[in-house]
């Protein structure tokens, strides 16, 4: 069975360093209403935290087209990545 983009991101890219960067962006948003979007370029994945829409886009840069991109809710992304949410 093939994994979706989020599953591949978690398995292949999400280490302590990546998790720390994502958590810092969430912490920044929690402390300021003026944070609308944060974008990250990691080794094989790009991640856009779109706080204004409450959505996250994860793109596998090694796969072209729609198969390499997945959009999920901010809360689902926070859960799957084991991050502290905006309300914590």
PDB file of N, CA and C in Angstrom:
ATOM      1  N   UNK A   1       0.844  -1.180   0.000  1.00  0.00           N
ATOM      2  CA  UNK A   1       0.000   0.000   0.000  1.00  0.00           C
ATOM      3  C   UNK A   1       0.891   1.246   0.000  1.00  0.00           C
ATOM      4  N   UNK A   2       0.562   2.206  -0.843  1.00  0.00           N
ATOM      5  CA  UNK A   2       1.360   3.425  -0.896  1.00  0.00           C
ATOM      6  C   UNK A   2       0.909   4.402   0.189  1.00  0.00           C
ATOM      7  N   UNK A   3       1.862   5.169   0.677  1.00  0.00           N
ATOM      8  CA  UNK A   3       1.571   6.147   1.729  1.00  0.00           C
ATOM      9  C   UNK A   3       1.160   7.468   1.092  1.00  0.00           C
ATOM     10  N   UNK A   4       0.328   8.227   1.802  1.00  0.00           N
ATOM     11  CA  UNK A   4       0.008   9.555   1.314  1.00  0.00           C
ATOM     12  C   UNK A   4       1.157  10.508   1.664  1.00  0.00           C
ATOM     13  N   UNK A   5       1.059  11.721   1.190  1.00  0.00           N
ATOM     14  CA  UNK A   5       2.146  12.698   1.345  1.00  0.00           C
ATOM     15  C   UNK A   5       2.435  12.981   2.817  1.00  0.00           C
ATOM     16  N   UNK A   6       1.399  13.144   3.622  1.00  0.00           N
ATOM     17  CA  UNK A   6       1.596  13.435   5.043  1.00  0.00           C
ATOM     18  C   UNK A   6       2.308  12.271   5.729  1.00  0.00           C
ATOM     19  N   UNK A   7       1.887  11.058   5.435  1.00  0.00           N
ATOM     20  CA  UNK A   7       2.534   9.882   6.031  1.00  0.00           C
ATOM     21  C   UNK A   7       4.005   9.802   5.637  1.00  0.00           C
ATOM     22  N   UNK A   8       4.305  10.086   4.369  1.00  0.00           N
ATOM     23  CA  UNK A   8       5.709  10.075   3.922  1.00  0.00           C
ATOM     24  C   UNK A   8       6.506  11.162   4.630  1.00  0.00           C
ATOM     25  N   UNK A   9       5.903  12.350   4.789  1.00  0.00           N
ATOM     26  CA  UNK A   9       6.572  13.443   5.490  1.00  0.00           C
ATOM     27  C   UNK A   9       6.916  13.028   6.918  1.00  0.00           C
ATOM     28  N   UNK A  10       5.956  12.461   7.618  1.00  0.00           N
ATOM     29  CA  UNK A  10       6.178  12.052   9.010  1.00  0.00           C
ATOM     30  C   UNK A  10       7.263  10.981   9.085  1.00  0.00           C
ATOM     31  N   UNK A  11       7.222  10.018   8.197  1.00  0.00           N
ATOM     32  CA  UNK A  11       8.177   8.917   8.240  1.00  0.00           C
ATOM     33  C   UNK A  11       9.577   9.330   7.780  1.00  0.00           C
ATOM     34  N   UNK A  12       9.669  10.156   6.739  1.00  0.00           N
ATOM     35  CA  UNK A  12      10.953  10.438   6.111  1.00  0.00           C
ATOM     36  C   UNK A  12      11.614  11.738   6.560  1.00  0.00           C
ATOM     37  N   UNK A  13      10.842  12.701   7.010  1.00  0.00           N
ATOM     38  CA  UNK A  13      11.399  14.035   7.238  1.00  0.00           C
ATOM     39  C   UNK A  13      11.256  14.536   8.667  1.00  0.00           C
ATOM     40  N   UNK A  14      10.218  14.123   9.361  1.00  0.00           N
ATOM     41  CA  UNK A  14       9.887  14.707  10.663  1.00  0.00           C
ATOM     42  C   UNK A  14      10.814  14.174  11.751  1.00  0.00           C
ATOM     43  N   UNK A  15      11.884  14.923  11.997  1.00  0.00           N
ATOM     44  CA  UNK A  15      12.796  14.597  13.091  1.00  0.00           C
ATOM     45  C   UNK A  15      12.710  15.716  14.125  1.00  0.00           C
ATOM     46  N   UNK A  16      13.551  15.687  15.124  1.00  0.00           N
ATOM     47  CA  UNK A  16      13.499  16.690  16.197  1.00  0.00           C
ATOM     48  C   UNK A  16      13.721  18.104  15.663  1.00  0.00           C
ATOM     49  N   UNK A  17      14.623  18.261  14.707  1.00  0.00           N
ATOM     50  CA  UNK A  17      14.909  19.586  14.140  1.00  0.00           C
ATOM     51  C   UNK A  17      13.692  20.130  13.384  1.00  0.00           C
ATOM     52  N   UNK A  18      13.102  19.319  12.528  1.00  0.00           N
ATOM     53  CA  UNK A  18      11.929  19.737  11.751  1.00  0.00           C
ATOM     54  C   UNK A  18      10.763  20.026  12.689  1.00  0.00           C
ATOM     55  N   UNK A  19      10.535  19.135  13.643  1.00  0.00           N
ATOM     56  CA  UNK A  19       9.449  19.335  14.610  1.00  0.00           C
ATOM     57  C   UNK A  19       9.655  20.641  15.384  1.00  0.00           C
ATOM     58  N   UNK A  20      10.895  20.944  15.750  1.00  0.00           N
ATOM     59  CA  UNK A  20      11.192  22.188  16.466  1.00  0.00           C
ATOM     60  C   UNK A  20      10.868  23.422  15.651  1.00  0.00           C
ATOM     61  N   UNK A  21      11.190  23.401  14.367  1.00  0.00           N
ATOM     62  CA  UNK A  21      10.873  24.534  13.498  1.00  0.00           C
ATOM     63  C   UNK A  21       9.383  24.742  13.352  1.00  0.00           C
ATOM     64  N   UNK A  22       8.654  23.662  13.159  1.00  0.00           N
ATOM     65  CA  UNK A  22       7.199  23.748  13.045  1.00  0.00           C
ATOM     66  C   UNK A  22       6.584  24.234  14.351  1.00  0.00           C
ATOM     67  N   UNK A  23       7.073  23.706  15.475  1.00  0.00           N
ATOM     68  CA  UNK A  23       6.543  24.118  16.779  1.00  0.00           C
ATOM     69  C   UNK A  23       6.815  25.593  17.036  1.00  0.00           C
ATOM     70  N   UNK A  24       7.977  26.084  16.633  1.00  0.00           N
ATOM     71  CA  UNK A  24       8.303  27.510  16.805  1.00  0.00           C
ATOM     72  C   UNK A  24       7.318  28.390  16.056  1.00  0.00           C
ATOM     73  N   UNK A  25       6.940  27.987  14.846  1.00  0.00           N
ATOM     74  CA  UNK A  25       5.971  28.764  14.067  1.00  0.00           C
ATOM     75  C   UNK A  25       4.606  28.756  14.747  1.00  0.00           C
ATOM     76  N   UNK A  26       4.202  27.623  15.281  1.00  0.00           N
ATOM     77  CA  UNK A  26       2.920  27.535  15.986  1.00  0.00           C
ATOM     78  C   UNK A  26       2.959  28.370  17.260  1.00  0.00           C
ATOM     79  N   UNK A  27       4.066  28.318  17.980  1.00  0.00           N
ATOM     80  CA  UNK A  27       4.219  29.136  19.187  1.00  0.00           C
ATOM     81  C   UNK A  27       4.171  30.620  18.848  1.00  0.00           C
ATOM     82  N   UNK A  28       4.801  30.996  17.732  1.00  0.00           N
ATOM     83  CA  UNK A  28       4.787  32.396  17.293  1.00  0.00           C
ATOM     84  C   UNK A  28       3.360  32.842  16.998  1.00  0.00           C
ATOM     85  N   UNK A  29       2.582  32.003  16.328  1.00  0.00           N
ATOM     86  CA  UNK A  29       1.192  32.333  16.025  1.00  0.00           C
ATOM     87  C   UNK A  29       0.376  32.446  17.310  1.00  0.00           C
ATOM     88  N   UNK A  30       0.631  31.564  18.258  1.00  0.00           N
ATOM     89  CA  UNK A  30      -0.104  31.586  19.522  1.00  0.00           C
ATOM     90  C   UNK A  30       0.095  32.911  20.250  1.00  0.00           C
ATOM     91  N   UNK A  31       1.277  33.511  20.114  1.00  0.00           N
ATOM     92  CA  UNK A  31       1.583  34.740  20.844  1.00  0.00           C
ATOM     93  C   UNK A  31       1.329  36.012  20.039  1.00  0.00           C
ATOM     94  N   UNK A  32       0.946  35.886  18.760  1.00  0.00           N
ATOM     95  CA  UNK A  32       0.730  37.074  17.931  1.00  0.00           C
ATOM     96  C   UNK A  32      -0.369  36.831  16.900  1.00  0.00           C
ATOM     97  N   UNK A  33      -1.308  37.741  16.842  1.00  0.00           N
ATOM     98  CA  UNK A  33      -2.371  37.655  15.838  1.00  0.00           C
ATOM     99  C   UNK A  33      -1.877  38.065  14.452  1.00  0.00           C
ATOM    100  N   UNK A  34      -0.675  38.621  14.356  1.00  0.00           N
ATOM    101  CA  UNK A  34      -0.151  39.116  13.087  1.00  0.00           C
ATOM    102  C   UNK A  34       0.626  38.069  12.295  1.00  0.00           C
ATOM    103  N   UNK A  35       0.539  36.815  12.681  1.00  0.00           N
ATOM    104  CA  UNK A  35       1.196  35.730  11.952  1.00  0.00           C
ATOM    105  C   UNK A  35       0.126  35.029  11.117  1.00  0.00           C
ATOM    106  N   UNK A  36       0.263  35.095   9.792  1.00  0.00           N
ATOM    107  CA  UNK A  36      -0.750  34.539   8.902  1.00  0.00           C
ATOM    108  C   UNK A  36      -0.296  33.280   8.177  1.00  0.00           C
ATOM    109  N   UNK A  37       0.998  33.211   7.877  1.00  0.00           N
ATOM    110  CA  UNK A  37       1.500  32.081   7.098  1.00  0.00           C
ATOM    111  C   UNK A  37       2.982  31.903   7.364  1.00  0.00           C
ATOM    112  N   UNK A  38       3.403  30.652   7.426  1.00  0.00           N
ATOM    113  CA  UNK A  38       4.827  30.320   7.534  1.00  0.00           C
ATOM    114  C   UNK A  38       5.118  29.212   6.536  1.00  0.00           C
ATOM    115  N   UNK A  39       6.237  29.355   5.811  1.00  0.00           N
ATOM    116  CA  UNK A  39       6.621  28.373   4.804  1.00  0.00           C
ATOM    117  C   UNK A  39       7.982  27.789   5.148  1.00  0.00           C
ATOM    118  N   UNK A  40       8.100  26.481   4.960  1.00  0.00           N
ATOM    119  CA  UNK A  40       9.341  25.769   5.253  1.00  0.00           C
ATOM    120  C   UNK A  40       9.760  24.956   4.037  1.00  0.00           C
ATOM    121  N   UNK A  41      11.057  24.928   3.768  1.00  0.00           N
ATOM    122  CA  UNK A  41      11.624  24.068   2.736  1.00  0.00           C
ATOM    123  C   UNK A  41      12.597  23.121   3.423  1.00  0.00           C
ATOM    124  N   UNK A  42      12.215  21.857   3.505  1.00  0.00           N
ATOM    125  CA  UNK A  42      13.070  20.847   4.108  1.00  0.00           C
ATOM    126  C   UNK A  42      13.758  20.056   2.999  1.00  0.00           C
ATOM    127  N   UNK A  43      14.390  18.955   3.318  1.00  0.00           N
ATOM    128  CA  UNK A  43      15.134  18.186   2.318  1.00  0.00           C
ATOM    129  C   UNK A  43      14.274  17.733   1.149  1.00  0.00           C
ATOM    130  N   UNK A  44      13.203  17.026   1.437  1.00  0.00           N
ATOM    131  CA  UNK A  44      12.361  16.459   0.379  1.00  0.00           C
ATOM    132  C   UNK A  44      10.928  16.977   0.395  1.00  0.00           C
ATOM    133  N   UNK A  45      10.598  17.794   1.376  1.00  0.00           N
ATOM    134  CA  UNK A  45       9.227  18.271   1.515  1.00  0.00           C
ATOM    135  C   UNK A  45       9.201  19.771   1.788  1.00  0.00           C
ATOM    136  N   UNK A  46       8.203  20.435   1.220  1.00  0.00           N
ATOM    137  CA  UNK A  46       7.896  21.820   1.553  1.00  0.00           C
ATOM    138  C   UNK A  46       6.608  21.807   2.367  1.00  0.00           C
ATOM    139  N   UNK A  47       6.549  22.668   3.378  1.00  0.00           N
ATOM    140  CA  UNK A  47       5.372  22.736   4.244  1.00  0.00           C
ATOM    141  C   UNK A  47       4.934  24.190   4.353  1.00  0.00           C
ATOM    142  N   UNK A  48       3.643  24.431   4.128  1.00  0.00           N
ATOM    143  CA  UNK A  48       3.062  25.761   4.294  1.00  0.00           C
ATOM    144  C   UNK A  48       2.037  25.684   5.415  1.00  0.00           C
ATOM    145  N   UNK A  49       2.277  26.444   6.472  1.00  0.00           N
ATOM    146  CA  UNK A  49       1.310  26.580   7.564  1.00  0.00           C
ATOM    147  C   UNK A  49       0.493  27.833   7.275  1.00  0.00           C
ATOM    148  N   UNK A  50      -0.725  27.667   6.812  1.00  0.00           N
ATOM    149  CA  UNK A  50      -1.594  28.790   6.460  1.00  0.00           C
ATOM    150  C   UNK A  50      -2.553  29.025   7.627  1.00  0.00           C
ATOM    151  N   UNK A  51      -2.101  29.843   8.570  1.00  0.00           N
ATOM    152  CA  UNK A  51      -2.884  30.090   9.779  1.00  0.00           C
ATOM    153  C   UNK A  51      -4.185  30.819   9.473  1.00  0.00           C
ATOM    154  N   UNK A  52      -4.201  31.669   8.447  1.00  0.00           N
ATOM    155  CA  UNK A  52      -5.410  32.423   8.126  1.00  0.00           C
ATOM    156  C   UNK A  52      -6.536  31.506   7.649  1.00  0.00           C
ATOM    157  N   UNK A  53      -6.199  30.392   7.013  1.00  0.00           N
ATOM    158  CA  UNK A  53      -7.190  29.422   6.537  1.00  0.00           C
ATOM    159  C   UNK A  53      -7.328  28.220   7.462  1.00  0.00           C
ATOM    160  N   UNK A  54      -6.395  28.072   8.408  1.00  0.00           N
ATOM    161  CA  UNK A  54      -6.411  26.910   9.285  1.00  0.00           C
ATOM    162  C   UNK A  54      -6.050  25.632   8.560  1.00  0.00           C
ATOM    163  N   UNK A  55      -5.210  25.752   7.527  1.00  0.00           N
ATOM    164  CA  UNK A  55      -4.842  24.611   6.694  1.00  0.00           C
ATOM    165  C   UNK A  55      -3.326  24.492   6.581  1.00  0.00           C
ATOM    166  N   UNK A  56      -2.871  23.288   6.258  1.00  0.00           N
ATOM    167  CA  UNK A  56      -1.452  23.014   6.028  1.00  0.00           C
ATOM    168  C   UNK A  56      -1.329  22.308   4.682  1.00  0.00           C
ATOM    169  N   UNK A  57      -0.356  22.753   3.882  1.00  0.00           N
ATOM    170  CA  UNK A  57      -0.058  22.097   2.611  1.00  0.00           C
ATOM    171  C   UNK A  57       1.319  21.466   2.738  1.00  0.00           C
ATOM    172  N   UNK A  58       1.392  20.174   2.450  1.00  0.00           N
ATOM    173  CA  UNK A  58       2.664  19.459   2.452  1.00  0.00           C
ATOM    174  C   UNK A  58       2.915  18.989   1.026  1.00  0.00           C
ATOM    175  N   UNK A  59       4.090  19.335   0.502  1.00  0.00           N
ATOM    176  CA  UNK A  59       4.430  18.963  -0.866  1.00  0.00           C
ATOM    177  C   UNK A  59       5.708  18.139  -0.867  1.00  0.00           C
ATOM    178  N   UNK A  60       5.650  16.979  -1.504  1.00  0.00           N
ATOM    179  CA  UNK A  60       6.829  16.145  -1.726  1.00  0.00           C
ATOM    180  C   UNK A  60       7.495  16.688  -2.983  1.00  0.00           C
ATOM    181  N   UNK A  61       8.644  17.330  -2.835  1.00  0.00           N
ATOM    182  CA  UNK A  61       9.286  18.000  -3.970  1.00  0.00           C
ATOM    183  C   UNK A  61       9.832  17.012  -4.996  1.00  0.00           C
ATOM    184  N   UNK A  62       9.896  15.742  -4.655  1.00  0.00           N
ATOM    185  CA  UNK A  62      10.398  14.726  -5.580  1.00  0.00           C
ATOM    186  C   UNK A  62       9.294  14.122  -6.445  1.00  0.00           C
ATOM    187  N   UNK A  63       8.043  14.493  -6.176  1.00  0.00           N
ATOM    188  CA  UNK A  63       6.906  13.983  -6.949  1.00  0.00           C
ATOM    189  C   UNK A  63       6.162  15.171  -7.555  1.00  0.00           C
ATOM    190  N   UNK A  64       6.117  15.221  -8.877  1.00  0.00           N
ATOM    191  CA  UNK A  64       5.460  16.334  -9.568  1.00  0.00           C
ATOM    192  C   UNK A  64       3.942  16.154  -9.565  1.00  0.00           C
ATOM    193  N   UNK A  65       3.242  17.268  -9.632  1.00  0.00           N
ATOM    194  CA  UNK A  65       1.794  17.240  -9.783  1.00  0.00           C
ATOM    195  C   UNK A  65       1.036  17.047  -8.488  1.00  0.00           C
ATOM    196  N   UNK A  66      -0.258  16.768  -8.664  1.00  0.00           N
ATOM    197  CA  UNK A  66      -1.160  16.655  -7.522  1.00  0.00           C
ATOM    198  C   UNK A  66      -0.824  15.485  -6.604  1.00  0.00           C
ATOM    199  N   UNK A  67      -0.213  14.431  -7.144  1.00  0.00           N
ATOM    200  CA  UNK A  67       0.143  13.273  -6.323  1.00  0.00           C
ATOM    201  C   UNK A  67       1.183  13.615  -5.266  1.00  0.00           C
ATOM    202  N   UNK A  68       1.920  14.688  -5.482  1.00  0.00           N
ATOM    203  CA  UNK A  68       2.973  15.071  -4.559  1.00  0.00           C
ATOM    204  C   UNK A  68       2.566  16.118  -3.553  1.00  0.00           C
ATOM    205  N   UNK A  69       1.273  16.458  -3.508  1.00  0.00           N
ATOM    206  CA  UNK A  69       0.813  17.515  -2.611  1.00  0.00           C
ATOM    207  C   UNK A  69      -0.432  17.065  -1.864  1.00  0.00           C
ATOM    208  N   UNK A  70      -0.501  17.461  -0.599  1.00  0.00           N
ATOM    209  CA  UNK A  70      -1.677  17.144   0.206  1.00  0.00           C
ATOM    210  C   UNK A  70      -1.976  18.311   1.130  1.00  0.00           C
ATOM    211  N   UNK A  71      -3.256  18.638   1.252  1.00  0.00           N
ATOM    212  CA  UNK A  71      -3.705  19.700   2.148  1.00  0.00           C
ATOM    213  C   UNK A  71      -4.538  19.076   3.261  1.00  0.00           C
ATOM    214  N   UNK A  72      -4.242  19.460   4.494  1.00  0.00           N
ATOM    215  CA  UNK A  72      -4.981  18.954   5.657  1.00  0.00           C
ATOM    216  C   UNK A  72      -5.274  20.116   6.598  1.00  0.00           C
ATOM    217  N   UNK A  73      -6.200  19.897   7.502  1.00  0.00           N
ATOM    218  CA  UNK A  73      -6.501  20.941   8.484  1.00  0.00           C
ATOM    219  C   UNK A  73      -5.310  21.116   9.425  1.00  0.00           C
ATOM    220  N   UNK A  74      -5.187  22.308   9.952  1.00  0.00           N
ATOM    221  CA  UNK A  74      -4.112  22.611  10.899  1.00  0.00           C
ATOM    222  C   UNK A  74      -4.180  21.656  12.098  1.00  0.00           C
ATOM    223  N   UNK A  75      -5.373  21.425  12.617  1.00  0.00           N
ATOM    224  CA  UNK A  75      -5.500  20.559  13.798  1.00  0.00           C
ATOM    225  C   UNK A  75      -5.080  19.121  13.494  1.00  0.00           C
ATOM    226  N   UNK A  76      -5.429  18.605  12.321  1.00  0.00           N
ATOM    227  CA  UNK A  76      -5.006  17.244  11.954  1.00  0.00           C
ATOM    228  C   UNK A  76      -3.494  17.161  11.807  1.00  0.00           C
ATOM    229  N   UNK A  77      -2.894  18.185  11.197  1.00  0.00           N
ATOM    230  CA  UNK A  77      -1.441  18.201  11.016  1.00  0.00           C
ATOM    231  C   UNK A  77      -0.737  18.249  12.371  1.00  0.00           C
ATOM    232  N   UNK A  78      -1.233  19.094  13.268  1.00  0.00           N
ATOM    233  CA  UNK A  78      -0.658  19.206  14.614  1.00  0.00           C
ATOM    234  C   UNK A  78      -0.735  17.856  15.328  1.00  0.00           C
ATOM    235  N   UNK A  79      -1.859  17.176  15.190  1.00  0.00           N
ATOM    236  CA  UNK A  79      -2.019  15.863  15.831  1.00  0.00           C
ATOM    237  C   UNK A  79      -1.049  14.835  15.264  1.00  0.00           C
ATOM    238  N   UNK A  80      -0.989  14.718  13.945  1.00  0.00           N
ATOM    239  CA  UNK A  80      -0.167  13.679  13.326  1.00  0.00           C
ATOM    240  C   UNK A  80       1.327  13.928  13.553  1.00  0.00           C
ATOM    241  N   UNK A  81       1.705  15.191  13.716  1.00  0.00           N
ATOM    242  CA  UNK A  81       3.114  15.529  13.955  1.00  0.00           C
ATOM    243  C   UNK A  81       3.452  15.610  15.442  1.00  0.00           C
ATOM    244  N   UNK A  82       2.449  15.385  16.295  1.00  0.00           N
ATOM    245  CA  UNK A  82       2.644  15.410  17.747  1.00  0.00           C
ATOM    246  C   UNK A  82       3.206  16.756  18.221  1.00  0.00           C
ATOM    247  N   UNK A  83       2.547  17.834  17.765  1.00  0.00           N
ATOM    248  CA  UNK A  83       2.935  19.192  18.141  1.00  0.00           C
ATOM    249  C   UNK A  83       1.944  19.731  19.164  1.00  0.00           C
ATOM    250  N   UNK A  84       2.324  20.811  19.842  1.00  0.00           N
ATOM    251  CA  UNK A  84       1.407  21.496  20.754  1.00  0.00           C
ATOM    252  C   UNK A  84       0.592  22.469  19.920  1.00  0.00           C
ATOM    253  N   UNK A  85      -0.724  22.399  20.046  1.00  0.00           N
ATOM    254  CA  UNK A  85      -1.615  23.192  19.218  1.00  0.00           C
ATOM    255  C   UNK A  85      -1.679  24.653  19.593  1.00  0.00           C
ATOM    256  N   UNK A  86      -2.458  25.385  18.806  1.00  0.00           N
ATOM    257  CA  UNK A  86      -2.606  26.826  19.002  1.00  0.00           C
ATOM    258  C   UNK A  86      -3.313  27.161  20.305  1.00  0.00           C
ATOM    259  N   UNK A  87      -4.098  26.232  20.825  1.00  0.00           N
ATOM    260  CA  UNK A  87      -4.862  26.502  22.040  1.00  0.00           C
ATOM    261  C   UNK A  87      -4.150  26.048  23.311  1.00  0.00           C
ATOM    262  N   UNK A  88      -2.902  25.623  23.195  1.00  0.00           N
ATOM    263  CA  UNK A  88      -2.187  25.118  24.380  1.00  0.00           C
ATOM    264  C   UNK A  88      -1.190  26.113  24.892  1.00  0.00           C
TER     265      UNK A  88
END
